[in-house]
Each structure stands twice: as structure tokens, then as C-alpha cells.
Amino acid sequence: MNDKTFISFLKHANEPFSGWDFSFITDTGRMKSELLSWSYGSIAASLIQDATCMLDMGTGGGEFLSKLRLLPSSVYATEGYLPNVPVAKERLTPLGVKVVQIDDDDVLPFESGQFDLLINQHESFSSQEVRRILAKGGLFLTQQAGGLDCREMNEKLGVPINEEFVDWDLKKALKDITKHDFKILKSMEEFLTQRFYDIGALVYYLKAIPWQVPGFEVSQYEEELYAIHKIIAEKGYFDTIQHRFIILAKAM
């Protein structure tokens, strides 16, 4: 490829990604997402006010949790992606949060009934294990990316959607959660537009979410990426559809 703009965007997509911070492409307006009809952050902030012992599952680099205020006296955060653990500890430990590295969603290193609030943003979980560590009457809030998330990326790159997650949606999650002695208090599911304004922003995003296209390397998909680059040059953007759902459940 001798397209200088294309080459330049790919070069700048190598900017380091840390924790779960997309500000490199969001704060500059290079990627925009349509607004959901709910706010995970507002719901979580409201629930925290009545919590005494809480857990943030899959905290990433602790970005979200660190921005919440009036945290309860006992706060834990888990993270399974090793590079994120020191980032989360550096950010959260001064706030009194105990960061715990985990390897298995089915075996969490906590006592039964230890927490009265669990929050989970885009993190896998075992409903059975969540119920075990949650006290009776405790609350579980989770926002998930569904199995059809951003499938347009896969289609343009010629990569099938991961069959293991393709049927992950609100209906399946509710069925699983209610089997483990939970009462559903709130649930919603939406599909919304996520727009990329240059190929570099798309590549940066793909590098940050390796489960979308496993083993993604620019050199392997250069022709397909260039085709998307041309779409952006003609239309001004490339759209994908985000698949999101949220559940608030009470342990019975």
C-alpha cells in the first residue's frame, strides 16, 4: 500500500493502550457511540450509597471505580487480565480498594455471602459463584456486551463471530441468572451505532479488544482494512452496531 494517509493512521494506531481507557480515540472524536437509554454509572453510583461491602468485577485499570465517590468502607476489585492488575493497584489502592487477581470466574477467592453489592461492566461471570459470594438481599448489577457486538467488523475482515458467544444476549443471561435464586429487578437490551471516523481509530479499538478478532494483526488484514479505509474516505465514517444489555438482580 502506498496510500500515505492509510499508512499514517496505521502507524499512529500503535499508541499504547492501558487498563480500559479509550480516551485516545474518544476524547479526540475519532470514535463516537450512540447513547444508551440507561446509565450503568448512575445506577452503580446510586446502589453504592446503601452498600457496606462491594465488589467491582473486572475492574480493568480501575478507571470506572476510581471515579465513583462515597465508596463503602470495604471495597474489593477483581481483574483477570494480568497487565491490568498493577495499573488497577496503583490507581485503586490509595482509595482503600483491595485489588485481587483472578484466573477463574467459577472460583472466586471470597467468603460466601461476603458482599451486599456486586457491579460488573462487560466482564464474564458465573451466576452460581456470584450468588455464593452475595449475601441474601444483596444486589448484582451487570452491563454486558452481547454476542452480536460489532459484527460488521468481522464481516468486513472476513472473520466469523466467535461461536462461543454469538448467542449471548439478555434472554440467555436472564435464564442463567434466575436459575440461581435471583429476582430480576431491571433488565434492558439495546443495539446502537458505534462510528469510526478513521481507520487508525478502528485498528486501535481492535487491538484493545482481542476477543473480537482473535490474533488480530494489521499485516494479516491489510487489504481488508484498506477497503474499510476507502469506505471512510467516501462516506466519512464506518459504522458498527454495539449490542448491550443490563441486568439488576436481587439475591433471594
C-alpha atoms as a PDB file:
ATOM      1  CA  MET A   1       0.000   0.000   0.000  1.00  0.00           C
ATOM      2  CA  ASN A   2       1.309   3.471  -0.901  1.00  0.00           C
ATOM      3  CA  ASP A   3      -1.631   5.494   0.439  1.00  0.00           C
ATOM      4  CA  LYS A   4       0.141   7.907   2.794  1.00  0.00           C
ATOM      5  CA  THR A   5      -2.991   8.685   4.841  1.00  0.00           C
ATOM      6  CA  PHE A   6      -3.724   4.999   5.345  1.00  0.00           C
ATOM      7  CA  ILE A   7      -0.132   4.249   6.351  1.00  0.00           C
ATOM      8  CA  SER A   8      -0.042   7.208   8.732  1.00  0.00           C
ATOM      9  CA  PHE A   9      -3.233   6.165  10.512  1.00  0.00           C
ATOM     10  CA  LEU A  10      -1.945   2.614  10.957  1.00  0.00           C
ATOM     11  CA  LYS A  11       1.308   3.922  12.401  1.00  0.00           C
ATOM     12  CA  HIS A  12      -0.442   6.072  14.984  1.00  0.00           C
ATOM     13  CA  ALA A  13      -2.721   3.175  15.979  1.00  0.00           C
ATOM     14  CA  ASN A  14       0.305   1.737  17.796  1.00  0.00           C
ATOM     15  CA  GLU A  15      -0.255   4.159  20.686  1.00  0.00           C
ATOM     16  CA  PRO A  16      -0.056   2.115  23.929  1.00  0.00           C
ATOM     17  CA  PHE A  17      -3.377   1.020  25.443  1.00  0.00           C
ATOM     18  CA  SER A  18      -3.572   0.732  29.222  1.00  0.00           C
ATOM     19  CA  GLY A  19      -6.301  -0.542  31.520  1.00  0.00           C
ATOM     20  CA  TRP A  20      -9.678   0.159  29.928  1.00  0.00           C
ATOM     21  CA  ASP A  21      -9.161   3.696  28.665  1.00  0.00           C
ATOM     22  CA  PHE A  22     -10.259   4.594  25.129  1.00  0.00           C
ATOM     23  CA  SER A  23      -9.734   8.334  25.561  1.00  0.00           C
ATOM     24  CA  PHE A  24      -7.033   8.344  22.847  1.00  0.00           C
ATOM     25  CA  ILE A  25      -9.794   7.914  20.240  1.00  0.00           C
ATOM     26  CA  THR A  26     -12.901   9.099  22.123  1.00  0.00           C
ATOM     27  CA  ASP A  27     -11.639  12.396  23.520  1.00  0.00           C
ATOM     28  CA  THR A  28     -10.443  13.372  20.052  1.00  0.00           C
ATOM     29  CA  GLY A  29     -13.804  12.477  18.475  1.00  0.00           C
ATOM     30  CA  ARG A  30     -12.328   9.760  16.274  1.00  0.00           C
ATOM     31  CA  MET A  31     -14.827   7.224  17.619  1.00  0.00           C
ATOM     32  CA  LYS A  32     -18.352   8.014  18.787  1.00  0.00           C
ATOM     33  CA  SER A  33     -21.081   5.804  20.221  1.00  0.00           C
ATOM     34  CA  GLU A  34     -24.823   6.349  20.239  1.00  0.00           C
ATOM     35  CA  LEU A  35     -26.244   6.900  23.716  1.00  0.00           C
ATOM     36  CA  LEU A  36     -27.938   4.128  25.673  1.00  0.00           C
ATOM     37  CA  SER A  37     -31.297   4.785  27.358  1.00  0.00           C
ATOM     38  CA  TRP A  38     -29.715   3.878  30.706  1.00  0.00           C
ATOM     39  CA  SER A  39     -26.533   4.808  32.560  1.00  0.00           C
ATOM     40  CA  TYR A  40     -24.608   1.973  34.177  1.00  0.00           C
ATOM     41  CA  GLY A  41     -22.575   4.560  36.076  1.00  0.00           C
ATOM     42  CA  SER A  42     -25.593   6.369  37.505  1.00  0.00           C
ATOM     43  CA  ILE A  43     -27.226   3.115  38.589  1.00  0.00           C
ATOM     44  CA  ALA A  44     -23.995   1.900  40.200  1.00  0.00           C
ATOM     45  CA  ALA A  45     -23.463   5.228  41.992  1.00  0.00           C
ATOM     46  CA  SER A  46     -26.975   5.048  43.408  1.00  0.00           C
ATOM     47  CA  LEU A  47     -26.580   1.470  44.639  1.00  0.00           C
ATOM     48  CA  ILE A  48     -23.226   2.193  46.291  1.00  0.00           C
ATOM     49  CA  GLN A  49     -24.872   4.640  48.684  1.00  0.00           C
ATOM     50  CA  ASP A  50     -26.546   1.771  50.560  1.00  0.00           C
ATOM     51  CA  ALA A  51     -23.694  -0.761  50.302  1.00  0.00           C
ATOM     52  CA  THR A  52     -21.370  -1.774  53.122  1.00  0.00           C
ATOM     53  CA  CYS A  53     -19.155  -4.280  51.292  1.00  0.00           C
ATOM     54  CA  MET A  54     -18.915  -4.259  47.497  1.00  0.00           C
ATOM     55  CA  LEU A  55     -17.001  -5.864  44.645  1.00  0.00           C
ATOM     56  CA  ASP A  56     -16.206  -4.445  41.203  1.00  0.00           C
ATOM     57  CA  MET A  57     -15.790  -7.456  38.920  1.00  0.00           C
ATOM     58  CA  GLY A  58     -13.325  -6.994  36.069  1.00  0.00           C
ATOM     59  CA  THR A  59     -12.163  -3.535  37.075  1.00  0.00           C
ATOM     60  CA  GLY A  60      -9.745  -3.165  34.139  1.00  0.00           C
ATOM     61  CA  GLY A  61      -7.289  -0.492  35.213  1.00  0.00           C
ATOM     62  CA  GLY A  62      -9.720   0.733  37.871  1.00  0.00           C
ATOM     63  CA  GLU A  63     -10.779   3.681  35.737  1.00  0.00           C
ATOM     64  CA  PHE A  64     -14.512   3.449  36.430  1.00  0.00           C
ATOM     65  CA  LEU A  65     -14.313   2.543  40.111  1.00  0.00           C
ATOM     66  CA  SER A  66     -11.814   5.320  40.845  1.00  0.00           C
ATOM     67  CA  LYS A  67     -14.270   7.920  39.571  1.00  0.00           C
ATOM     68  CA  LEU A  68     -17.075   6.838  41.901  1.00  0.00           C
ATOM     69  CA  ARG A  69     -17.288   8.692  45.181  1.00  0.00           C
ATOM     70  CA  LEU A  70     -18.504   7.822  48.681  1.00  0.00           C
ATOM     71  CA  LEU A  71     -17.364   4.212  48.390  1.00  0.00           C
ATOM     72  CA  PRO A  72     -18.328   1.904  51.285  1.00  0.00           C
ATOM     73  CA  SER A  73     -15.792   1.033  53.965  1.00  0.00           C
ATOM     74  CA  SER A  74     -14.998  -2.347  52.388  1.00  0.00           C
ATOM     75  CA  VAL A  75     -14.337  -2.413  48.640  1.00  0.00           C
ATOM     76  CA  TYR A  76     -12.741  -5.106  46.502  1.00  0.00           C
ATOM     77  CA  ALA A  77     -11.995  -5.271  42.777  1.00  0.00           C
ATOM     78  CA  THR A  78     -11.075  -8.276  40.642  1.00  0.00           C
ATOM     79  CA  GLU A  79      -9.115  -8.362  37.390  1.00  0.00           C
ATOM     80  CA  GLY A  80      -8.180 -11.342  35.259  1.00  0.00           C
ATOM     81  CA  TYR A  81      -6.016  -9.657  32.611  1.00  0.00           C
ATOM     82  CA  LEU A  82      -2.514  -9.664  34.088  1.00  0.00           C
ATOM     83  CA  PRO A  83      -1.199  -6.386  32.532  1.00  0.00           C
ATOM     84  CA  ASN A  84      -4.150  -4.520  34.064  1.00  0.00           C
ATOM     85  CA  VAL A  85      -3.516  -5.695  37.634  1.00  0.00           C
ATOM     86  CA  PRO A  86      -0.595  -3.353  38.502  1.00  0.00           C
ATOM     87  CA  VAL A  87      -2.416  -0.472  36.778  1.00  0.00           C
ATOM     88  CA  ALA A  88      -5.516  -1.107  38.892  1.00  0.00           C
ATOM     89  CA  LYS A  89      -3.500  -1.468  42.090  1.00  0.00           C
ATOM     90  CA  GLU A  90      -1.659   1.794  41.519  1.00  0.00           C
ATOM     91  CA  ARG A  91      -4.926   3.635  40.913  1.00  0.00           C
ATOM     92  CA  LEU A  92      -7.186   1.955  43.486  1.00  0.00           C
ATOM     93  CA  THR A  93      -5.013   1.022  46.471  1.00  0.00           C
ATOM     94  CA  PRO A  94      -4.690   4.655  47.634  1.00  0.00           C
ATOM     95  CA  LEU A  95      -8.509   4.760  47.671  1.00  0.00           C
ATOM     96  CA  GLY A  96      -8.657   1.799  50.059  1.00  0.00           C
ATOM     97  CA  VAL A  97      -9.708  -0.713  47.404  1.00  0.00           C
ATOM     98  CA  LYS A  98      -8.269  -4.230  47.616  1.00  0.00           C
ATOM     99  CA  VAL A  99      -7.394  -5.410  44.090  1.00  0.00           C
ATOM    100  CA  VAL A 100      -7.419  -9.201  43.589  1.00  0.00           C
ATOM    101  CA  GLN A 101      -6.095 -11.018  40.529  1.00  0.00           C
ATOM    102  CA  ILE A 102      -8.293 -13.930  39.455  1.00  0.00           C
ATOM    103  CA  ASP A 103      -7.925 -16.738  36.945  1.00  0.00           C
ATOM    104  CA  ASP A 104     -11.324 -18.443  37.035  1.00  0.00           C
ATOM    105  CA  ASP A 105     -14.837 -16.935  37.150  1.00  0.00           C
ATOM    106  CA  ASP A 106     -16.126 -20.147  38.721  1.00  0.00           C
ATOM    107  CA  VAL A 107     -13.824 -19.941  41.751  1.00  0.00           C
ATOM    108  CA  LEU A 108     -13.594 -16.503  43.330  1.00  0.00           C
ATOM    109  CA  PRO A 109     -11.379 -16.041  46.429  1.00  0.00           C
ATOM    110  CA  PHE A 110     -14.116 -14.651  48.673  1.00  0.00           C
ATOM    111  CA  GLU A 111     -16.301 -15.895  51.517  1.00  0.00           C
ATOM    112  CA  SER A 112     -19.898 -16.959  50.941  1.00  0.00           C
ATOM    113  CA  GLY A 113     -22.237 -14.018  51.470  1.00  0.00           C
ATOM    114  CA  GLN A 114     -19.324 -11.578  51.802  1.00  0.00           C
ATOM    115  CA  PHE A 115     -20.794  -8.794  49.666  1.00  0.00           C
ATOM    116  CA  ASP A 116     -24.043  -6.869  49.563  1.00  0.00           C
ATOM    117  CA  LEU A 117     -23.269  -5.326  46.155  1.00  0.00           C
ATOM    118  CA  LEU A 118     -21.529  -6.669  43.065  1.00  0.00           C
ATOM    119  CA  ILE A 119     -21.056  -4.475  39.998  1.00  0.00           C
ATOM    120  CA  ASN A 120     -19.869  -5.853  36.680  1.00  0.00           C
ATOM    121  CA  GLN A 121     -19.281  -3.915  33.456  1.00  0.00           C
ATOM    122  CA  HIS A 122     -18.538  -6.064  30.414  1.00  0.00           C
ATOM    123  CA  GLU A 123     -16.953  -8.844  32.488  1.00  0.00           C
ATOM    124  CA  SER A 124     -17.723 -12.557  32.251  1.00  0.00           C
ATOM    125  CA  PHE A 125     -19.233 -14.164  35.319  1.00  0.00           C
ATOM    126  CA  SER A 126     -20.618 -17.354  36.812  1.00  0.00           C
ATOM    127  CA  SER A 127     -24.148 -16.793  38.123  1.00  0.00           C
ATOM    128  CA  GLN A 128     -23.678 -19.582  40.636  1.00  0.00           C
ATOM    129  CA  GLU A 129     -20.461 -18.081  42.011  1.00  0.00           C
ATOM    130  CA  VAL A 130     -21.930 -14.575  42.043  1.00  0.00           C
ATOM    131  CA  ARG A 131     -24.840 -15.856  44.129  1.00  0.00           C
ATOM    132  CA  ARG A 132     -22.471 -17.660  46.517  1.00  0.00           C
ATOM    133  CA  ILE A 133     -20.466 -14.564  47.441  1.00  0.00           C
ATOM    134  CA  LEU A 134     -23.520 -12.285  47.537  1.00  0.00           C
ATOM    135  CA  ALA A 135     -25.459 -12.004  50.806  1.00  0.00           C
ATOM    136  CA  LYS A 136     -29.209 -12.604  50.839  1.00  0.00           C
ATOM    137  CA  GLY A 137     -30.883  -9.408  49.721  1.00  0.00           C
ATOM    138  CA  GLY A 138     -27.669  -8.271  48.033  1.00  0.00           C
ATOM    139  CA  LEU A 139     -27.671  -6.749  44.563  1.00  0.00           C
ATOM    140  CA  PHE A 140     -25.919  -7.738  41.346  1.00  0.00           C
ATOM    141  CA  LEU A 141     -25.603  -5.128  38.591  1.00  0.00           C
ATOM    142  CA  THR A 142     -24.119  -6.129  35.256  1.00  0.00           C
ATOM    143  CA  GLN A 143     -23.859  -4.468  31.861  1.00  0.00           C
ATOM    144  CA  GLN A 144     -22.778  -6.844  29.121  1.00  0.00           C
ATOM    145  CA  ALA A 145     -21.661  -6.701  25.503  1.00  0.00           C
ATOM    146  CA  GLY A 146     -23.847  -9.166  23.612  1.00  0.00           C
ATOM    147  CA  GLY A 147     -22.673 -11.821  21.189  1.00  0.00           C
ATOM    148  CA  LEU A 148     -23.594  -9.765  18.104  1.00  0.00           C
ATOM    149  CA  ASP A 149     -21.458  -6.817  19.181  1.00  0.00           C
ATOM    150  CA  CYS A 150     -19.701  -5.037  16.296  1.00  0.00           C
ATOM    151  CA  ARG A 151     -20.216  -7.958  13.916  1.00  0.00           C
ATOM    152  CA  GLU A 152     -19.736  -5.585  10.971  1.00  0.00           C
ATOM    153  CA  MET A 153     -16.024  -5.536  11.805  1.00  0.00           C
ATOM    154  CA  ASN A 154     -15.885  -9.303  11.496  1.00  0.00           C
ATOM    155  CA  GLU A 155     -17.855  -9.266   8.262  1.00  0.00           C
ATOM    156  CA  LYS A 156     -15.531  -6.739   6.599  1.00  0.00           C
ATOM    157  CA  LEU A 157     -12.427  -8.591   7.798  1.00  0.00           C
ATOM    158  CA  GLY A 158     -13.839 -11.979   6.759  1.00  0.00           C
ATOM    159  CA  VAL A 159     -13.659 -13.377  10.302  1.00  0.00           C
ATOM    160  CA  PRO A 160     -16.590 -15.357  11.777  1.00  0.00           C
ATOM    161  CA  ILE A 161     -18.099 -14.158  15.053  1.00  0.00           C
ATOM    162  CA  ASN A 162     -16.916 -16.273  17.992  1.00  0.00           C
ATOM    163  CA  GLU A 163     -19.410 -19.159  18.103  1.00  0.00           C
ATOM    164  CA  GLU A 164     -18.916 -19.499  21.855  1.00  0.00           C
ATOM    165  CA  PHE A 165     -20.517 -16.094  22.467  1.00  0.00           C
ATOM    166  CA  VAL A 166     -22.756 -15.483  19.437  1.00  0.00           C
ATOM    167  CA  ASP A 167     -25.938 -16.371  21.360  1.00  0.00           C
ATOM    168  CA  TRP A 168     -25.015 -14.346  24.465  1.00  0.00           C
ATOM    169  CA  ASP A 169     -27.939 -11.971  24.909  1.00  0.00           C
ATOM    170  CA  LEU A 170     -30.392 -10.698  27.506  1.00  0.00           C
ATOM    171  CA  LYS A 171     -32.685 -13.707  27.229  1.00  0.00           C
ATOM    172  CA  LYS A 172     -29.888 -16.214  27.813  1.00  0.00           C
ATOM    173  CA  ALA A 173     -28.378 -14.197  30.677  1.00  0.00           C
ATOM    174  CA  LEU A 174     -31.742 -13.862  32.435  1.00  0.00           C
ATOM    175  CA  LYS A 175     -32.387 -17.590  32.126  1.00  0.00           C
ATOM    176  CA  ASP A 176     -28.992 -18.356  33.659  1.00  0.00           C
ATOM    177  CA  ILE A 177     -29.252 -15.820  36.491  1.00  0.00           C
ATOM    178  CA  THR A 178     -32.780 -16.752  37.565  1.00  0.00           C
ATOM    179  CA  LYS A 179     -31.733 -20.399  37.902  1.00  0.00           C
ATOM    180  CA  HIS A 180     -29.527 -19.386  40.832  1.00  0.00           C
ATOM    181  CA  ASP A 181     -32.017 -17.841  43.251  1.00  0.00           C
ATOM    182  CA  PHE A 182     -32.153 -14.276  41.937  1.00  0.00           C
ATOM    183  CA  LYS A 183     -35.092 -11.946  41.416  1.00  0.00           C
ATOM    184  CA  ILE A 184     -34.753  -9.674  38.390  1.00  0.00           C
ATOM    185  CA  LEU A 185     -35.381  -6.021  39.280  1.00  0.00           C
ATOM    186  CA  LYS A 186     -34.399  -4.414  35.970  1.00  0.00           C
ATOM    187  CA  SER A 187     -33.376  -5.601  32.511  1.00  0.00           C
ATOM    188  CA  MET A 188     -32.972  -3.876  29.148  1.00  0.00           C
ATOM    189  CA  GLU A 189     -31.283  -4.628  25.831  1.00  0.00           C
ATOM    190  CA  GLU A 190     -30.357  -2.267  23.017  1.00  0.00           C
ATOM    191  CA  PHE A 191     -28.490  -2.122  19.722  1.00  0.00           C
ATOM    192  CA  LEU A 192     -26.802   1.196  18.939  1.00  0.00           C
ATOM    193  CA  THR A 193     -24.429   2.706  16.410  1.00  0.00           C
ATOM    194  CA  GLN A 194     -20.702   2.937  17.030  1.00  0.00           C
ATOM    195  CA  ARG A 195     -18.995   5.154  14.450  1.00  0.00           C
ATOM    196  CA  PHE A 196     -15.324   5.269  13.432  1.00  0.00           C
ATOM    197  CA  TYR A 197     -14.057   8.297  11.548  1.00  0.00           C
ATOM    198  CA  ASP A 198     -10.654   6.928  10.512  1.00  0.00           C
ATOM    199  CA  ILE A 199      -9.042   3.529  10.071  1.00  0.00           C
ATOM    200  CA  GLY A 200      -6.479   4.217  12.786  1.00  0.00           C
ATOM    201  CA  ALA A 201      -9.238   4.538  15.402  1.00  0.00           C
ATOM    202  CA  LEU A 202     -10.722   1.216  14.276  1.00  0.00           C
ATOM    203  CA  VAL A 203      -7.358  -0.556  14.432  1.00  0.00           C
ATOM    204  CA  TYR A 204      -6.651   0.925  17.882  1.00  0.00           C
ATOM    205  CA  TYR A 205     -10.030  -0.387  19.067  1.00  0.00           C
ATOM    206  CA  LEU A 206      -9.460  -3.853  17.620  1.00  0.00           C
ATOM    207  CA  LYS A 207      -6.089  -4.115  19.330  1.00  0.00           C
ATOM    208  CA  ALA A 208      -7.719  -3.251  22.657  1.00  0.00           C
ATOM    209  CA  ILE A 209     -10.471  -5.895  22.377  1.00  0.00           C
ATOM    210  CA  PRO A 210      -8.607  -9.037  21.224  1.00  0.00           C
ATOM    211  CA  TRP A 211     -11.685 -11.261  21.579  1.00  0.00           C
ATOM    212  CA  GLN A 212     -13.411  -9.540  18.631  1.00  0.00           C
ATOM    213  CA  VAL A 213     -10.875 -10.799  16.083  1.00  0.00           C
ATOM    214  CA  PRO A 214      -8.577 -13.268  17.887  1.00  0.00           C
ATOM    215  CA  GLY A 215      -4.945 -12.880  16.947  1.00  0.00           C
ATOM    216  CA  PHE A 216      -5.597  -9.619  15.100  1.00  0.00           C
ATOM    217  CA  GLU A 217      -2.531  -8.266  13.296  1.00  0.00           C
ATOM    218  CA  VAL A 218      -2.569  -5.395  10.819  1.00  0.00           C
ATOM    219  CA  SER A 219      -0.282  -7.240   8.417  1.00  0.00           C
ATOM    220  CA  GLN A 220      -2.746 -10.130   8.205  1.00  0.00           C
ATOM    221  CA  TYR A 221      -5.724  -7.905   7.290  1.00  0.00           C
ATOM    222  CA  GLU A 222      -4.086  -5.049   5.415  1.00  0.00           C
ATOM    223  CA  GLU A 223      -6.230  -5.411   2.279  1.00  0.00           C
ATOM    224  CA  GLU A 224      -9.474  -5.669   4.261  1.00  0.00           C
ATOM    225  CA  LEU A 225      -8.501  -2.666   6.391  1.00  0.00           C
ATOM    226  CA  TYR A 226      -7.708  -0.674   3.289  1.00  0.00           C
ATOM    227  CA  ALA A 227     -11.179  -1.475   1.945  1.00  0.00           C
ATOM    228  CA  ILE A 228     -12.691  -0.041   5.152  1.00  0.00           C
ATOM    229  CA  HIS A 229     -10.355   2.956   4.820  1.00  0.00           C
ATOM    230  CA  LYS A 230     -11.839   3.619   1.362  1.00  0.00           C
ATOM    231  CA  ILE A 231     -15.375   3.375   2.764  1.00  0.00           C
ATOM    232  CA  ILE A 232     -14.458   6.040   5.321  1.00  0.00           C
ATOM    233  CA  ALA A 233     -12.871   8.198   2.604  1.00  0.00           C
ATOM    234  CA  GLU A 234     -16.122   8.033   0.594  1.00  0.00           C
ATOM    235  CA  LYS A 235     -18.736   8.257   3.382  1.00  0.00           C
ATOM    236  CA  GLY A 236     -16.759   9.975   6.109  1.00  0.00           C
ATOM    237  CA  TYR A 237     -17.216   7.124   8.579  1.00  0.00           C
ATOM    238  CA  PHE A 238     -17.591   3.378   9.150  1.00  0.00           C
ATOM    239  CA  ASP A 239     -20.452   2.173  11.350  1.00  0.00           C
ATOM    240  CA  THR A 240     -20.749  -0.910  13.508  1.00  0.00           C
ATOM    241  CA  ILE A 241     -23.601  -1.905  15.803  1.00  0.00           C
ATOM    242  CA  GLN A 242     -22.987  -2.312  19.510  1.00  0.00           C
ATOM    243  CA  HIS A 243     -25.018  -4.961  21.354  1.00  0.00           C
ATOM    244  CA  ARG A 244     -25.602  -4.045  25.011  1.00  0.00           C
ATOM    245  CA  PHE A 245     -27.819  -5.256  27.823  1.00  0.00           C
ATOM    246  CA  ILE A 246     -28.098  -4.517  31.525  1.00  0.00           C
ATOM    247  CA  ILE A 247     -29.465  -6.519  34.449  1.00  0.00           C
ATOM    248  CA  LEU A 248     -30.089  -5.627  38.078  1.00  0.00           C
ATOM    249  CA  ALA A 249     -30.869  -8.679  40.207  1.00  0.00           C
ATOM    250  CA  LYS A 250     -31.505  -9.292  43.899  1.00  0.00           C
ATOM    251  CA  ALA A 251     -30.234 -12.381  45.750  1.00  0.00           C
ATOM    252  CA  MET A 252     -33.150 -14.236  47.343  1.00  0.00           C
END
